[in-house]
N, C-alpha and C. Protein backbone atom coordinates (compact mmCIF):
# COMPACT_ATOMS: atom_id res chain seq x y z
N UNK A 1 22.01 122.93 87.59
CA UNK A 1 22.75 124.54 86.95
C UNK A 1 24.30 124.58 86.80
N UNK A 2 25.10 123.58 87.72
CA UNK A 2 26.43 124.07 87.81
C UNK A 2 27.16 122.69 86.86
N UNK A 3 26.19 121.77 85.83
CA UNK A 3 26.42 120.95 84.64
C UNK A 3 26.28 121.56 83.51
N UNK A 4 25.67 123.04 83.54
CA UNK A 4 25.74 123.67 82.32
C UNK A 4 26.75 123.73 81.70
N UNK A 5 27.99 124.12 82.66
CA UNK A 5 29.62 124.68 82.60
C UNK A 5 30.39 124.07 81.63
N UNK A 6 31.13 124.17 81.06
CA UNK A 6 31.63 123.32 80.45
C UNK A 6 32.94 122.90 80.77
N UNK A 7 33.45 121.96 80.80
CA UNK A 7 35.05 121.79 81.81
C UNK A 7 36.04 122.44 81.44
N UNK A 8 36.21 122.48 80.31
CA UNK A 8 37.11 123.39 79.93
C UNK A 8 37.48 125.12 80.09
N UNK A 9 35.94 125.05 79.74
CA UNK A 9 35.80 127.04 80.01
C UNK A 9 36.36 127.01 81.51
N UNK A 10 36.07 125.99 82.22
CA UNK A 10 35.77 126.25 83.51
C UNK A 10 37.53 126.22 83.87
N UNK A 11 37.72 124.82 83.67
CA UNK A 11 39.27 125.20 83.13
C UNK A 11 40.28 126.35 83.19
N UNK A 12 40.10 126.61 81.90
CA UNK A 12 40.37 128.89 81.09
C UNK A 12 39.77 129.26 82.52
N UNK A 13 39.37 129.73 83.15
CA UNK A 13 38.70 130.45 84.11
C UNK A 13 39.40 130.39 85.62
N UNK A 14 39.71 128.99 85.68
CA UNK A 14 40.56 128.71 86.66
C UNK A 14 41.22 129.27 86.86
N UNK A 15 42.17 129.18 85.38
CA UNK A 15 43.93 129.41 85.11
C UNK A 15 43.49 130.72 85.26
N UNK A 16 43.08 131.57 84.54
CA UNK A 16 43.44 132.93 84.65
C UNK A 16 42.07 133.69 86.15
N UNK A 17 42.52 132.71 86.86
CA UNK A 17 42.45 132.90 88.72
C UNK A 17 41.31 133.38 89.35
N UNK A 18 40.10 132.84 88.32
CA UNK A 18 38.53 133.03 88.82
C UNK A 18 38.42 132.16 89.83
N UNK A 19 38.04 132.18 91.08
CA UNK A 19 37.71 131.59 92.23
C UNK A 19 36.08 131.04 92.61
N UNK A 20 35.01 131.61 91.86
CA UNK A 20 34.57 131.36 91.76
C UNK A 20 34.30 129.81 90.53
N UNK A 21 35.28 130.38 89.44
CA UNK A 21 34.89 128.62 88.39
C UNK A 21 35.39 127.72 89.80
N UNK A 22 36.66 128.01 90.11
CA UNK A 22 36.98 127.21 91.37
C UNK A 22 35.83 126.49 92.31
N UNK A 23 34.91 127.15 92.22
CA UNK A 23 33.95 126.40 93.56
C UNK A 23 32.93 125.69 92.35
N UNK A 24 32.76 125.95 91.26
CA UNK A 24 31.78 125.69 90.55
C UNK A 24 32.81 124.53 90.86
N UNK A 25 33.74 124.29 89.82
CA UNK A 25 34.32 122.68 89.35
C UNK A 25 34.04 122.02 91.14
N UNK A 26 34.74 123.01 92.05
CA UNK A 26 34.46 122.07 93.48
C UNK A 26 32.60 121.24 93.58
N UNK A 27 32.41 121.99 93.06
CA UNK A 27 30.66 121.98 93.26
C UNK A 27 30.02 120.57 92.26
N UNK A 28 30.46 120.95 90.85
CA UNK A 28 30.38 119.71 89.94
C UNK A 28 30.64 118.55 90.25
N UNK A 29 32.23 118.29 91.22
CA UNK A 29 32.89 116.71 91.26
C UNK A 29 32.29 116.49 92.11
N UNK A 30 32.25 116.94 92.47
CA UNK A 30 31.37 116.55 94.63
C UNK A 30 30.65 115.62 94.85
N UNK A 31 29.72 115.14 93.91
CA UNK A 31 28.57 114.33 93.33
C UNK A 31 29.96 112.90 92.62
N UNK A 32 30.74 112.72 91.93
CA UNK A 32 31.79 112.28 91.81
C UNK A 32 32.58 111.17 92.46
N UNK A 33 33.21 112.34 93.83
CA UNK A 33 33.90 111.48 94.23
C UNK A 33 32.72 110.67 95.96
N UNK A 34 32.02 111.24 96.07
CA UNK A 34 30.70 110.69 96.99
C UNK A 34 30.18 109.23 96.49
N UNK A 35 30.31 109.43 95.21
CA UNK A 35 29.70 108.30 94.32
C UNK A 35 30.86 106.87 94.42
N UNK A 36 33.19 107.56 94.42
CA UNK A 36 33.58 106.47 94.27
C UNK A 36 33.78 106.14 95.91
N UNK A 37 33.39 107.05 96.97
CA UNK A 37 33.40 106.85 98.37
C UNK A 37 33.04 105.53 98.61
N UNK A 38 31.31 105.79 97.74
CA UNK A 38 30.30 104.03 97.53
C UNK A 38 30.95 102.96 97.00
N UNK A 39 31.82 103.40 96.18
CA UNK A 39 31.66 102.34 94.62
C UNK A 39 32.77 101.78 95.64
N UNK A 40 34.36 101.96 96.28
CA UNK A 40 35.33 101.56 97.41
C UNK A 40 34.60 100.48 98.54
N UNK A 41 33.76 100.93 98.56
CA UNK A 41 32.98 100.71 99.94
C UNK A 41 33.64 101.16 101.28
N UNK A 42 33.90 102.24 100.94
CA UNK A 42 34.73 102.62 102.63
C UNK A 42 33.73 102.65 104.11
N UNK A 43 33.98 102.16 105.14
CA UNK A 43 33.37 101.58 105.73
C UNK A 43 33.99 103.14 106.67
N UNK A 44 34.56 103.61 106.98
CA UNK A 44 35.08 104.71 107.92
C UNK A 44 35.67 105.29 107.61
N UNK A 45 36.67 107.22 107.29
CA UNK A 45 36.86 108.26 107.53
C UNK A 45 36.34 109.08 105.88
N UNK A 46 34.49 108.56 105.70
CA UNK A 46 34.40 109.43 104.66
C UNK A 46 34.63 110.67 104.55
N UNK A 47 34.77 111.30 105.47
CA UNK A 47 35.20 112.81 105.67
C UNK A 47 36.76 112.53 104.97
N UNK A 48 37.70 112.17 105.72
CA UNK A 48 39.19 112.42 105.18
C UNK A 48 38.73 111.87 104.07
N UNK A 49 38.49 110.88 103.41
CA UNK A 49 37.92 110.47 102.05
C UNK A 49 37.87 111.26 100.59
N UNK A 50 36.95 111.98 101.91
CA UNK A 50 35.76 113.18 100.80
C UNK A 50 37.32 114.40 100.62
N UNK A 51 38.05 114.64 101.83
CA UNK A 51 38.63 115.67 101.63
C UNK A 51 40.25 115.33 100.51
N UNK A 52 39.92 113.98 101.05
CA UNK A 52 41.76 113.19 99.52
C UNK A 52 40.79 113.87 98.37
N UNK A 53 39.31 113.41 98.08
CA UNK A 53 39.43 113.88 96.67
C UNK A 53 38.77 114.97 96.55
N UNK A 54 39.11 116.12 97.31
CA UNK A 54 38.79 117.16 96.47
C UNK A 54 40.17 117.67 96.13
N UNK A 55 41.42 116.80 97.35
CA UNK A 55 42.84 117.44 96.94
C UNK A 55 43.33 116.80 95.57
N UNK A 56 42.82 115.43 95.10
CA UNK A 56 42.28 115.11 93.64
C UNK A 56 42.25 115.70 92.39
N UNK A 57 41.17 116.16 92.96
CA UNK A 57 40.79 117.60 92.34
C UNK A 57 41.54 118.08 91.88
N UNK A 58 41.71 119.25 93.36
CA UNK A 58 42.42 119.99 92.73
C UNK A 58 43.68 119.71 92.10
N UNK A 59 44.93 118.46 92.34
CA UNK A 59 45.85 118.12 91.62
C UNK A 59 45.41 118.50 89.67
N UNK A 60 44.35 117.05 89.34
CA UNK A 60 44.41 116.83 88.22
C UNK A 60 43.45 118.58 88.12
N UNK A 61 43.33 119.59 88.43
CA UNK A 61 43.22 121.18 87.95
C UNK A 61 44.11 121.49 87.88
N UNK A 62 45.14 121.67 88.28
CA UNK A 62 46.22 121.74 88.19
C UNK A 62 47.12 121.09 86.82
N UNK A 63 47.63 119.60 87.22
CA UNK A 63 47.68 118.89 86.06
C UNK A 63 47.17 118.56 84.87
N UNK A 64 46.14 118.65 84.45
CA UNK A 64 45.34 118.54 82.90
C UNK A 64 45.84 119.79 82.26
N UNK A 65 46.09 118.77 81.28
CA UNK A 65 46.27 119.55 80.03
C UNK A 65 45.24 118.80 78.57
N UNK A 66 44.76 119.69 77.78
CA UNK A 66 43.97 119.65 76.97
C UNK A 66 44.76 118.79 75.51
N UNK A 67 45.47 118.22 75.79
CA UNK A 67 46.39 117.73 74.69
C UNK A 67 46.35 116.09 74.61
N UNK A 68 45.83 115.61 76.34
CA UNK A 68 45.65 114.61 76.83
C UNK A 68 44.15 113.71 75.44
N UNK A 69 44.80 112.67 75.75
CA UNK A 69 43.37 111.28 74.86
C UNK A 69 42.30 111.26 75.64
N UNK A 70 42.43 112.16 77.19
CA UNK A 70 41.21 112.01 77.66
C UNK A 70 39.80 112.97 77.77
N UNK A 71 38.93 113.07 79.15
CA UNK A 71 38.06 114.68 79.18
C UNK A 71 38.98 114.46 80.33
N UNK A 72 38.65 115.77 80.35
CA UNK A 72 38.55 115.77 82.13
C UNK A 72 38.52 114.97 82.77
N UNK A 73 37.37 115.25 82.90
CA UNK A 73 36.03 113.88 83.86
C UNK A 73 37.25 112.91 83.67
N UNK A 74 37.53 111.77 82.68
CA UNK A 74 38.11 110.95 82.81
C UNK A 74 39.56 110.57 83.71
N UNK A 75 40.24 111.73 83.39
CA UNK A 75 41.48 112.56 83.87
C UNK A 75 41.54 112.57 85.39
N UNK A 76 40.28 113.16 85.85
CA UNK A 76 39.99 113.48 87.19
C UNK A 76 39.60 111.83 88.06
N UNK A 77 38.73 111.47 87.25
CA UNK A 77 38.35 110.33 87.65
C UNK A 77 39.27 108.97 87.74
N UNK A 78 40.47 108.86 87.12
CA UNK A 78 41.52 107.94 87.06
C UNK A 78 42.32 108.55 88.94
N UNK A 79 42.86 109.80 88.34
CA UNK A 79 43.50 110.08 90.19
C UNK A 79 42.65 109.87 90.48
N UNK A 80 41.65 110.16 91.59
CA UNK A 80 40.83 110.25 92.18
C UNK A 80 40.98 108.05 93.01
N UNK A 81 40.74 108.04 91.84
CA UNK A 81 40.85 106.00 92.32
C UNK A 81 41.79 105.58 92.46
N UNK A 82 42.65 106.00 91.66
CA UNK A 82 44.19 105.57 92.21
C UNK A 82 44.90 106.47 93.74
N UNK A 83 44.02 107.31 93.76
CA UNK A 83 44.66 108.24 94.80
C UNK A 83 43.78 107.17 96.04
N UNK A 84 42.04 106.47 95.72
CA UNK A 84 42.24 106.10 96.87
C UNK A 84 42.92 104.41 97.33
N UNK A 85 42.85 103.88 95.80
CA UNK A 85 43.64 102.65 96.47
C UNK A 85 44.91 102.50 96.81
N UNK A 86 45.11 104.34 96.61
CA UNK A 86 46.79 103.88 97.44
C UNK A 86 46.62 103.84 99.29
N UNK A 87 45.51 105.36 99.50
CA UNK A 87 45.35 105.11 100.79
C UNK A 87 45.10 103.82 101.80
N UNK A 88 44.12 103.37 100.62
CA UNK A 88 44.02 101.84 100.94
C UNK A 88 44.87 100.79 101.72
N UNK A 89 45.48 101.01 100.62
CA UNK A 89 46.58 99.98 100.44
C UNK A 89 47.73 100.60 101.93
N UNK A 90 47.95 102.02 101.97
CA UNK A 90 48.22 102.35 103.58
C UNK A 90 47.51 101.19 104.61
N UNK A 91 46.59 101.57 104.47
CA UNK A 91 45.34 101.39 105.97
C UNK A 91 45.53 100.22 106.34
N UNK A 92 45.67 99.34 105.32
CA UNK A 92 45.41 97.93 104.98
C UNK A 92 46.90 97.45 105.97
N UNK A 93 48.32 98.15 105.69
CA UNK A 93 49.27 97.67 105.86
C UNK A 93 49.26 98.09 107.42
N UNK A 94 48.44 99.85 107.36
CA UNK A 94 48.68 99.98 109.45
C UNK A 94 47.69 99.11 109.69
N UNK A 95 46.63 98.67 109.79
CA UNK A 95 45.98 97.90 109.99
C UNK A 95 45.51 95.88 110.18
N UNK A 96 46.92 95.41 109.53
CA UNK A 96 47.43 94.42 109.54
C UNK A 96 47.52 93.28 110.47
N UNK A 97 46.46 92.28 111.13
CA UNK A 97 46.37 91.83 112.78
C UNK A 97 45.28 92.53 113.59
N UNK A 98 45.14 93.43 112.81
CA UNK A 98 44.00 94.21 114.07
C UNK A 98 42.72 94.31 113.75
N UNK A 99 41.97 93.59 114.36
CA UNK A 99 40.24 93.99 114.72
C UNK A 99 39.37 94.65 115.50
N UNK A 100 38.55 94.49 114.57
CA UNK A 100 37.50 95.82 115.04
C UNK A 100 37.01 94.75 116.39
N UNK A 101 36.35 95.02 117.51
CA UNK A 101 34.94 94.67 118.47
C UNK A 101 33.85 95.39 118.22
N UNK A 102 33.21 96.25 119.04
CA UNK A 102 32.24 96.93 118.56
C UNK A 102 32.26 98.15 118.09
N UNK A 103 33.34 98.99 118.32
CA UNK A 103 33.71 99.65 118.29
C UNK A 103 34.72 100.56 117.43
N UNK A 104 34.95 100.69 116.69
CA UNK A 104 36.66 101.52 116.48
C UNK A 104 37.39 102.36 117.18
N UNK A 105 36.32 102.14 118.31
CA UNK A 105 37.79 103.20 119.70
C UNK A 105 38.58 101.47 120.39
N UNK A 106 37.36 100.17 119.81
CA UNK A 106 37.94 98.40 120.84
C UNK A 106 38.86 98.40 119.82
N UNK A 107 40.06 97.97 119.67
CA UNK A 107 41.31 97.65 118.36
C UNK A 107 42.17 97.00 119.24
N UNK A 108 42.10 95.71 119.18
CA UNK A 108 43.43 94.97 119.73
C UNK A 108 44.08 94.23 118.72
N UNK A 109 45.67 93.96 119.04
CA UNK A 109 46.27 92.98 118.20
C UNK A 109 46.16 91.57 118.23
N UNK A 110 45.65 90.87 117.17
CA UNK A 110 45.68 89.93 117.24
C UNK A 110 46.87 89.04 117.50
N UNK A 111 47.39 87.85 118.40
CA UNK A 111 48.60 86.57 119.04
C UNK A 111 48.77 85.95 117.90
N UNK A 112 49.52 85.57 116.64
CA UNK A 112 49.46 84.92 115.79
C UNK A 112 50.58 84.02 116.35
N UNK A 113 50.32 82.78 116.05
CA UNK A 113 50.69 82.05 116.23
C UNK A 113 51.48 81.00 115.53
N UNK A 114 52.77 80.33 115.34
CA UNK A 114 53.30 79.60 114.38
C UNK A 114 53.07 77.55 114.95
N UNK A 115 52.46 77.17 114.40
CA UNK A 115 53.29 75.77 114.83
C UNK A 115 54.69 74.82 114.15
N UNK A 116 55.54 74.73 114.97
CA UNK A 116 56.73 74.44 113.95
C UNK A 116 56.69 72.46 114.12
N UNK A 117 57.15 72.14 113.20
CA UNK A 117 57.72 70.68 113.45
C UNK A 117 59.16 70.66 113.03
N UNK A 118 59.49 70.23 113.75
CA UNK A 118 61.03 69.98 113.03
C UNK A 118 60.76 68.55 111.53
N UNK A 119 61.59 68.76 110.68
CA UNK A 119 61.77 67.47 110.04
C UNK A 119 63.38 67.29 109.74
N UNK A 120 63.44 66.32 110.08
CA UNK A 120 64.96 65.87 109.42
C UNK A 120 65.11 65.14 108.79
N UNK A 121 66.28 66.47 108.31
CA UNK A 121 66.84 66.52 107.11
C UNK A 121 67.87 65.90 107.03
N UNK A 122 68.35 64.58 105.78
CA UNK A 122 69.22 63.96 105.78
C UNK A 122 70.35 65.51 105.12
N UNK A 123 71.77 65.65 106.02
CA UNK A 123 72.00 66.92 105.90
C UNK A 123 73.19 66.45 105.07
N UNK A 124 73.09 65.24 104.50
CA UNK A 124 74.57 64.75 104.07
C UNK A 124 73.93 65.09 101.82
N UNK A 125 72.19 65.23 102.47
CA UNK A 125 71.71 65.91 100.97
C UNK A 125 72.35 67.33 100.67
N UNK A 126 72.47 67.74 101.28
CA UNK A 126 73.10 69.24 100.92
C UNK A 126 74.32 69.85 101.27
N UNK A 127 74.26 70.52 100.21
CA UNK A 127 75.84 71.65 99.29
C UNK A 127 76.09 71.70 100.95
N UNK A 128 77.06 72.10 101.03
CA UNK A 128 77.98 72.10 102.49
C UNK A 128 77.36 73.75 102.86
N UNK A 129 76.67 74.75 101.52
CA UNK A 129 76.92 76.48 101.72
C UNK A 129 75.47 76.05 102.25
N UNK A 130 74.40 74.59 101.80
CA UNK A 130 73.15 74.95 101.60
C UNK A 130 72.92 74.34 103.49
N UNK A 131 74.34 73.76 103.67
CA UNK A 131 73.41 73.00 105.15
C UNK A 131 74.46 74.38 106.42
N UNK A 132 75.36 75.53 106.05
CA UNK A 132 75.35 76.54 106.56
C UNK A 132 74.46 77.56 106.83
N UNK A 133 73.49 77.49 105.16
CA UNK A 133 71.94 78.45 105.57
C UNK A 133 71.20 77.65 106.15
N UNK A 134 70.91 76.65 106.22
CA UNK A 134 69.74 75.76 107.19
C UNK A 134 70.17 75.91 108.27
N UNK A 135 71.77 75.87 109.26
CA UNK A 135 71.92 76.00 109.87
C UNK A 135 71.60 77.55 110.85
N UNK A 136 71.99 78.15 109.97
CA UNK A 136 71.69 79.36 110.19
C UNK A 136 70.79 80.18 111.04
N UNK A 137 69.45 79.95 109.81
CA UNK A 137 68.64 80.05 110.12
C UNK A 137 67.98 78.95 111.05
N UNK A 138 67.90 77.81 111.24
CA UNK A 138 67.74 76.77 112.60
C UNK A 138 68.10 77.26 113.43
N UNK A 139 69.79 77.96 113.91
CA UNK A 139 69.69 78.01 115.33
C UNK A 139 69.71 79.39 115.88
N UNK A 140 69.40 79.97 114.87
CA UNK A 140 69.88 81.90 115.28
C UNK A 140 68.12 82.12 115.24
N UNK A 141 67.12 81.68 114.15
CA UNK A 141 65.81 81.90 114.00
C UNK A 141 65.31 83.44 113.14
N UNK A 142 66.29 83.71 112.22
CA UNK A 142 66.50 85.80 112.19
C UNK A 142 66.35 85.46 110.15
N UNK A 143 65.88 86.29 109.58
CA UNK A 143 65.56 86.53 108.49
C UNK A 143 66.46 86.15 107.44
N UNK A 144 65.91 85.54 106.44
CA UNK A 144 67.10 85.55 105.13
C UNK A 144 67.97 86.47 105.12
N UNK A 145 67.19 87.95 105.31
CA UNK A 145 68.61 88.90 104.78
C UNK A 145 69.66 89.38 105.87
N UNK A 146 69.13 88.28 106.96
CA UNK A 146 70.06 89.23 107.93
C UNK A 146 71.56 87.34 108.32
N UNK A 147 70.35 86.46 107.09
CA UNK A 147 71.26 84.90 107.21
C UNK A 147 72.32 86.04 106.31
N UNK A 148 72.30 86.78 104.87
CA UNK A 148 73.06 86.90 104.16
C UNK A 148 74.13 87.72 104.62
N UNK A 149 73.35 88.26 105.63
CA UNK A 149 73.91 89.49 106.34
C UNK A 149 75.33 88.65 107.42
N UNK A 150 74.49 88.01 107.82
CA UNK A 150 75.58 87.34 108.88
C UNK A 150 76.59 86.08 108.41
N UNK A 151 76.40 85.95 106.68
CA UNK A 151 76.88 84.92 106.57
C UNK A 151 78.12 85.57 105.03
N UNK A 152 77.91 86.72 105.06
CA UNK A 152 78.29 87.77 104.17
C UNK A 152 78.64 87.51 102.98
N UNK A 153 76.82 87.24 101.95
CA UNK A 153 77.09 86.76 100.90
C UNK A 153 75.63 87.80 100.34
N UNK A 154 75.56 87.41 98.78
CA UNK A 154 74.37 87.71 97.95
C UNK A 154 72.82 87.64 98.89
N UNK A 155 71.92 88.14 99.15
CA UNK A 155 70.40 87.40 99.93
C UNK A 155 70.17 87.09 98.32
N UNK A 156 70.08 86.65 97.05
CA UNK A 156 69.68 86.28 96.40
C UNK A 156 70.27 84.56 96.52
N UNK A 157 71.76 84.76 97.30
CA UNK A 157 72.62 83.49 96.84
C UNK A 157 71.80 82.43 98.13
N UNK A 158 71.07 83.21 99.32
CA UNK A 158 70.68 82.76 100.32
C UNK A 158 68.71 82.50 100.00
N UNK A 159 68.35 83.67 99.16
CA UNK A 159 67.28 82.69 98.75
C UNK A 159 67.50 81.18 97.68
N UNK A 160 68.01 81.10 96.96
CA UNK A 160 68.46 80.15 95.90
C UNK A 160 68.74 78.82 97.05
N UNK A 161 69.36 79.33 98.26
CA UNK A 161 69.54 77.91 99.19
C UNK A 161 68.22 77.49 99.57
N UNK A 162 67.78 78.58 99.66
CA UNK A 162 66.48 78.03 100.74
C UNK A 162 65.52 77.43 99.81
N UNK A 163 65.69 78.06 98.19
CA UNK A 163 64.70 77.20 97.46
C UNK A 163 65.09 75.96 96.96
N UNK A 164 66.58 75.67 97.10
CA UNK A 164 66.66 74.38 97.24
C UNK A 164 66.43 73.36 98.23
N UNK A 165 66.78 73.59 99.38
CA UNK A 165 66.43 73.46 100.27
C UNK A 165 65.17 73.07 100.71
N UNK A 166 63.88 73.77 100.82
CA UNK A 166 63.20 73.48 100.68
C UNK A 166 62.61 72.44 99.14
N UNK A 167 63.23 72.38 98.35
CA UNK A 167 62.51 71.49 97.38
C UNK A 167 63.91 69.88 97.36
N UNK A 168 64.39 69.95 98.38
CA UNK A 168 64.82 68.17 99.01
C UNK A 168 63.64 68.38 100.25
N UNK A 169 63.32 69.13 100.92
CA UNK A 169 62.08 68.16 102.14
C UNK A 169 61.36 68.12 102.06
N UNK A 170 61.39 68.66 100.22
CA UNK A 170 60.22 67.65 99.55
C UNK A 170 60.16 66.64 99.00
N UNK A 171 60.82 66.32 98.92
CA UNK A 171 61.73 64.94 98.87
C UNK A 171 61.39 63.96 98.87
N UNK A 172 62.30 64.60 100.25
CA UNK A 172 61.86 63.74 101.67
C UNK A 172 60.45 63.57 102.58
N UNK A 173 59.91 64.87 102.53
CA UNK A 173 58.64 63.83 102.58
C UNK A 173 57.50 62.89 101.86
N UNK A 174 57.94 63.30 100.28
CA UNK A 174 57.16 62.32 99.30
C UNK A 174 57.73 61.41 99.82
N UNK A 175 59.39 60.56 99.55
CA UNK A 175 59.21 59.27 99.70
C UNK A 175 59.40 59.25 100.73
N UNK A 176 58.83 59.62 102.55
CA UNK A 176 58.01 59.22 103.97
C UNK A 176 57.04 58.62 103.26
N UNK A 177 56.07 59.20 103.08
CA UNK A 177 54.99 59.67 102.25
C UNK A 177 54.42 58.01 100.79
N UNK A 178 55.50 57.79 100.44
CA UNK A 178 55.68 55.90 99.64
C UNK A 178 55.53 54.61 100.24
N UNK A 179 56.66 55.33 101.61
CA UNK A 179 56.55 54.03 102.55
C UNK A 179 55.55 53.62 103.41
């Protein structure tokens, strides 16, 4: 029954402040929101994603202009998918290095450890700037941005120096393997 209503008619009525038309629009697009939640394989927070879908529908209703080369359905679906992708990216960053045990209440952060094997780099093969960058990075164990600030140089110069140092390290490794 609700599918008999044309989107453009409903949009016109919504713009004329018809609450009934707005309610019909929400009921009409609820199945699409639920389908997208399934398509994105959302495992938890289904209700949160559903609410975000309704908010995306509200945004689509307010912003849609029929001069677009898309139907309202396609326009809303695009907004909905982009919103879900945006939320999932934020959650990915939030849950980075966090693993679920048996229930969502039991979260722990995994300890990540790296093995560092020092390599003897013939410092004679490095320029003065590369030596300074390498020594600062090696002794202080700080990020490239901090190395740039400490040496009072542009961050790109530090990254370029790291790139050259890395290439020279690979050359030294290759020579050692050849022997």
